[in-house]
């Protein structure tokens, strides 16, 4: 059970049934065992990437409200040593950020070599929220797909591997999560009136996400659609892609300098 990247130029329906756990998904102890092994591998690969410090991995997480971005970060990327992880959360842009091009604040948050970076929301908000909410005219946001592709290509050519995940939940699952959030004192602070307004724009956001996947899933920076109604399965699917990617990157611990080894022998 491994996710496959969205083929460039593919229009996906993003139906509610597509958010369900795939048939044959492991459950219970089997799922826990598989996820535990992947997270152990992720910790080791992250340490090697940090020690090597020649490349970086950037993971982009996008989802509807209550789609599971925070939970994915906590359950999957929490396996990494904190010094090997860089998190960026893109809220509404500040006045200073609005005074620059829309990618200015994003480029500053790209992880340095040796780190895994995770974007909780990202530059794609500028062709999602900005489009659906009419924050900028179509003549502005319609040009951003090509600009985003060019930006990501620059990053890849300069040592940053990019993975992009759309955590796809159904309308019913979102309703249940928002309801629980409202009644949980530990989570209801997250709830905003705009969440309800965005829910009324479900079809508009679906169309916007379809365009993002169609226009911006590329060979160098692929999108993955994650069936995310079941949280443990979501975590397993994301972890598998991340670990598989790091294994192909094959980071290695550098050898110690001969002089250092000589001194160690002297001390011993």
Protein backbone atom coordinates (compact mmCIF):
# COMPACT_ATOMS: atom_id res chain seq x y z
CA UNK A 1 0.00 0.00 0.00
CA UNK A 2 2.04 2.89 -1.35
CA UNK A 3 0.79 6.19 -2.62
CA UNK A 4 1.62 7.10 -6.20
CA UNK A 5 2.26 10.69 -7.31
CA UNK A 6 -0.38 12.53 -9.29
CA UNK A 7 0.58 12.32 -12.94
CA UNK A 8 1.17 15.76 -14.51
CA UNK A 9 -1.90 17.05 -16.28
CA UNK A 10 -4.33 14.77 -14.42
CA UNK A 11 -7.73 16.04 -13.22
CA UNK A 12 -8.84 14.15 -10.11
CA UNK A 13 -12.49 14.12 -8.99
CA UNK A 14 -11.63 14.39 -5.24
CA UNK A 15 -14.84 12.61 -4.25
CA UNK A 16 -15.78 11.90 -0.65
CA UNK A 17 -15.27 8.16 -1.20
CA UNK A 18 -11.69 8.87 -2.26
CA UNK A 19 -10.98 10.00 1.32
CA UNK A 20 -11.66 6.54 2.78
CA UNK A 21 -8.86 4.21 3.77
CA UNK A 22 -7.79 2.08 0.79
CA UNK A 23 -8.95 -1.52 0.71
CA UNK A 24 -6.51 -3.85 2.37
CA UNK A 25 -5.17 -1.17 4.72
CA UNK A 26 -3.57 -2.74 7.81
CA UNK A 27 -5.28 -2.31 11.13
CA UNK A 28 -4.56 -2.55 14.81
CA UNK A 29 -1.24 -4.05 15.85
CA UNK A 30 -0.12 -4.65 12.27
CA UNK A 31 -0.57 -0.96 11.39
CA UNK A 32 1.17 0.12 14.59
CA UNK A 33 4.09 -2.21 13.90
CA UNK A 34 4.50 -1.00 10.32
CA UNK A 35 4.30 2.65 11.33
CA UNK A 36 6.75 2.11 14.19
CA UNK A 37 9.31 0.59 11.81
CA UNK A 38 8.90 3.49 9.37
CA UNK A 39 9.32 6.09 12.10
CA UNK A 40 12.46 4.37 13.33
CA UNK A 41 13.82 4.47 9.78
CA UNK A 42 12.80 8.13 9.49
CA UNK A 43 14.72 9.03 12.65
CA UNK A 44 17.88 7.35 11.37
CA UNK A 45 17.61 8.80 7.86
CA UNK A 46 16.98 12.27 9.30
CA UNK A 47 20.11 11.95 11.42
CA UNK A 48 22.16 10.95 8.38
CA UNK A 49 20.72 13.84 6.33
CA UNK A 50 21.68 16.23 9.13
CA UNK A 51 25.19 14.82 9.45
CA UNK A 52 25.75 14.95 5.70
CA UNK A 53 24.35 18.52 5.39
CA UNK A 54 24.50 18.59 1.60
CA UNK A 55 20.77 18.42 0.76
CA UNK A 56 17.37 19.12 2.27
CA UNK A 57 13.88 17.61 2.12
CA UNK A 58 10.85 19.89 1.97
CA UNK A 59 7.42 18.44 2.77
CA UNK A 60 4.35 20.52 1.91
CA UNK A 61 1.10 19.72 3.74
CA UNK A 62 -2.19 21.10 2.45
CA UNK A 63 -5.70 20.23 3.59
CA UNK A 64 -9.12 21.64 4.21
CA UNK A 65 -9.92 22.91 7.69
CA UNK A 66 -9.55 20.06 10.23
CA UNK A 67 -7.83 18.02 7.53
CA UNK A 68 -5.10 16.69 9.82
CA UNK A 69 -1.99 18.74 9.12
CA UNK A 70 -1.10 19.22 12.79
CA UNK A 71 -1.75 15.57 13.57
CA UNK A 72 0.43 14.41 10.69
CA UNK A 73 3.27 16.63 11.84
CA UNK A 74 2.96 15.35 15.40
CA UNK A 75 2.56 11.64 14.62
CA UNK A 76 4.97 11.32 11.68
CA UNK A 77 7.56 14.08 11.81
CA UNK A 78 7.67 14.00 15.59
CA UNK A 79 9.93 10.97 15.11
CA UNK A 80 12.74 13.26 13.95
CA UNK A 81 15.28 14.78 16.29
CA UNK A 82 13.99 18.37 16.76
CA UNK A 83 17.33 19.82 15.62
CA UNK A 84 16.88 18.01 12.28
CA UNK A 85 13.39 19.44 11.68
CA UNK A 86 12.23 22.88 10.51
CA UNK A 87 8.53 23.77 10.71
CA UNK A 88 6.85 26.71 8.99
CA UNK A 89 3.22 27.72 9.48
CA UNK A 90 1.85 30.14 6.91
CA UNK A 91 -0.91 32.28 8.37
CA UNK A 92 -2.39 35.35 6.70
CA UNK A 93 0.52 37.45 5.36
CA UNK A 94 1.74 40.40 7.39
CA UNK A 95 1.96 43.95 6.07
CA UNK A 96 5.67 43.47 5.38
CA UNK A 97 5.03 40.22 3.51
CA UNK A 98 2.30 41.81 1.42
CA UNK A 99 4.83 44.44 0.35
CA UNK A 100 6.82 41.71 -1.45
CA UNK A 101 6.00 39.09 -4.07
CA UNK A 102 3.95 36.18 -2.71
CA UNK A 103 6.91 33.79 -2.70
CA UNK A 104 9.20 36.04 -0.67
CA UNK A 105 8.13 34.73 2.73
CA UNK A 106 8.11 31.16 1.44
CA UNK A 107 11.68 31.17 0.16
CA UNK A 108 12.90 32.40 3.53
CA UNK A 109 11.30 29.35 5.19
CA UNK A 110 12.87 26.71 2.93
CA UNK A 111 14.89 24.32 5.12
CA UNK A 112 18.68 24.61 5.05
CA UNK A 113 20.83 21.67 3.95
CA UNK A 114 20.77 18.85 6.46
CA UNK A 115 17.17 19.43 7.56
CA UNK A 116 13.70 18.13 6.86
CA UNK A 117 11.35 21.08 6.47
CA UNK A 118 7.57 20.84 6.84
CA UNK A 119 5.21 23.53 5.59
CA UNK A 120 1.90 23.62 7.48
CA UNK A 121 0.00 25.24 4.63
CA UNK A 122 2.24 26.85 2.06
CA UNK A 123 2.63 29.02 -1.02
CA UNK A 124 -0.36 27.13 -2.43
CA UNK A 125 -2.65 29.20 -0.24
CA UNK A 126 -2.06 31.92 -2.84
CA UNK A 127 -3.92 29.87 -5.46
CA UNK A 128 -6.44 28.40 -3.02
CA UNK A 129 -7.69 30.89 -0.42
CA UNK A 130 -6.67 33.87 -2.53
CA UNK A 131 -8.63 32.45 -5.45
CA UNK A 132 -11.74 31.20 -3.64
CA UNK A 133 -12.05 34.22 -1.38
CA UNK A 134 -11.33 36.65 -4.20
CA UNK A 135 -8.41 38.24 -2.35
CA UNK A 136 -6.66 38.95 -5.65
CA UNK A 137 -8.09 39.14 -9.19
CA UNK A 138 -7.94 36.13 -11.51
CA UNK A 139 -5.35 37.82 -13.71
CA UNK A 140 -3.03 37.71 -10.68
CA UNK A 141 -3.63 34.25 -9.21
CA UNK A 142 -3.85 32.54 -12.60
CA UNK A 143 -0.19 33.39 -13.27
CA UNK A 144 0.98 31.91 -10.00
CA UNK A 145 0.83 28.24 -11.03
CA UNK A 146 3.68 28.72 -13.50
CA UNK A 147 5.56 30.88 -10.99
CA UNK A 148 5.22 28.18 -8.33
CA UNK A 149 6.46 25.49 -10.70
CA UNK A 150 9.48 27.61 -11.62
CA UNK A 151 10.21 28.35 -7.95
CA UNK A 152 10.07 24.67 -6.99
CA UNK A 153 12.26 23.76 -9.95
CA UNK A 154 14.89 26.20 -8.73
CA UNK A 155 14.83 24.60 -5.27
CA UNK A 156 15.18 21.09 -6.69
CA UNK A 157 18.09 22.12 -8.91
CA UNK A 158 19.79 23.47 -5.80
CA UNK A 159 19.57 20.40 -3.61
CA UNK A 160 16.06 20.53 -2.10
CA UNK A 161 13.88 17.47 -2.67
CA UNK A 162 10.16 18.34 -2.55
CA UNK A 163 7.17 16.20 -1.56
CA UNK A 164 3.65 17.64 -1.51
CA UNK A 165 0.71 15.99 0.27
CA UNK A 166 -2.96 16.92 0.00
CA UNK A 167 -4.69 15.36 3.01
CA UNK A 168 -8.08 14.59 1.49
CA UNK A 169 -11.00 14.29 3.92
CA UNK A 170 -14.68 13.86 3.19
CA UNK A 171 -17.36 16.43 3.92
CA UNK A 172 -18.86 14.20 6.63
CA UNK A 173 -15.50 13.61 8.32
CA UNK A 174 -14.80 17.33 8.37
CA UNK A 175 -18.18 17.95 10.00
CA UNK A 176 -17.42 15.44 12.75
CA UNK A 177 -13.96 16.87 13.39
CA UNK A 178 -15.25 20.44 13.56
CA UNK A 179 -17.99 19.34 15.94
CA UNK A 180 -15.50 17.62 18.24
CA UNK A 181 -13.23 20.65 18.07
CA UNK A 182 -16.08 22.91 19.18
CA UNK A 183 -16.76 20.80 22.26
CA UNK A 184 -13.16 20.12 23.28
CA UNK A 185 -11.71 22.89 25.51
CA UNK A 186 -8.23 21.80 24.43
CA UNK A 187 -9.06 22.33 20.75
CA UNK A 188 -11.92 24.81 20.43
CA UNK A 189 -9.46 27.70 20.49
CA UNK A 190 -8.49 26.56 16.98
CA UNK A 191 -12.01 27.10 15.70
CA UNK A 192 -12.64 30.28 13.76
CA UNK A 193 -15.78 31.66 12.22
CA UNK A 194 -14.08 31.53 8.84
CA UNK A 195 -13.97 27.72 9.12
CA UNK A 196 -17.73 27.63 8.70
CA UNK A 197 -17.60 30.07 5.81
CA UNK A 198 -14.99 27.92 4.05
CA UNK A 199 -17.16 24.84 4.56
CA UNK A 200 -19.93 26.57 2.62
CA UNK A 201 -17.40 26.98 -0.21
CA UNK A 202 -16.65 23.25 -0.38
CA UNK A 203 -17.21 22.94 -4.12
CA UNK A 204 -15.17 26.06 -4.86
CA UNK A 205 -12.23 24.71 -2.85
CA UNK A 206 -12.56 21.34 -4.58
CA UNK A 207 -12.21 23.05 -7.97
CA UNK A 208 -9.22 25.05 -6.69
CA UNK A 209 -7.48 21.92 -5.40
CA UNK A 210 -8.18 20.12 -8.66
CA UNK A 211 -6.40 22.92 -10.53
CA UNK A 212 -3.45 22.81 -8.12
CA UNK A 213 -3.01 19.07 -8.65
CA UNK A 214 -3.53 19.39 -12.41
CA UNK A 215 -1.14 22.28 -12.92
CA UNK A 216 1.49 21.79 -10.23
CA UNK A 217 2.17 18.07 -9.87
CA UNK A 218 5.47 17.81 -11.71
CA UNK A 219 8.20 15.22 -12.10
CA UNK A 220 10.51 17.29 -9.89
CA UNK A 221 7.90 18.22 -7.23
CA UNK A 222 5.03 15.70 -7.22
CA UNK A 223 1.72 15.93 -5.40
CA UNK A 224 0.30 12.98 -3.46
CA UNK A 225 -3.39 12.74 -2.55
CA UNK A 226 -3.67 11.07 0.86
CA UNK A 227 -6.97 9.40 1.84
CA UNK A 228 -7.15 11.02 5.25
CA UNK A 229 -10.47 10.10 6.87
CA UNK A 230 -8.70 7.48 9.00
CA UNK A 231 -5.86 9.16 10.85
CA UNK A 232 -3.62 6.11 11.51
CA UNK A 233 -3.80 5.08 7.84
CA UNK A 234 -3.06 8.67 6.80
CA UNK A 235 0.06 8.66 8.98
CA UNK A 236 1.24 5.35 7.56
CA UNK A 237 0.78 6.47 3.95
CA UNK A 238 2.67 9.73 4.47
CA UNK A 239 5.46 8.06 6.43
CA UNK A 240 5.99 5.48 3.69
CA UNK A 241 6.44 8.07 0.98
CA UNK A 242 8.79 10.18 3.10
CA UNK A 243 10.94 7.21 4.14
CA UNK A 244 11.01 5.83 0.59
CA UNK A 245 12.15 9.23 -0.69
CA UNK A 246 14.89 9.57 1.93
CA UNK A 247 16.08 6.04 1.20
CA UNK A 248 16.42 6.97 -2.48
CA UNK A 249 18.29 10.13 -1.47
CA UNK A 250 20.58 7.77 0.51
CA UNK A 251 22.15 10.27 2.93
CA UNK A 252 25.24 8.90 4.67
CA UNK A 253 27.22 9.75 7.76
CA UNK A 254 30.53 11.33 6.71
CA UNK A 255 33.74 9.58 7.66
CA UNK A 256 35.77 11.09 10.44
CA UNK A 257 38.87 13.04 9.48
CA UNK A 258 42.07 10.92 9.58
CA UNK A 259 43.65 13.36 12.01
CA UNK A 260 40.69 13.01 14.36
CA UNK A 261 40.93 9.21 14.21
CA UNK A 262 44.65 9.40 14.93
CA UNK A 263 44.05 11.57 18.00
CA UNK A 264 41.37 9.21 19.22
CA UNK A 265 43.79 6.30 18.95
CA UNK A 266 46.35 8.29 20.91
CA UNK A 267 43.83 9.03 23.65
CA UNK A 268 42.66 5.42 23.83
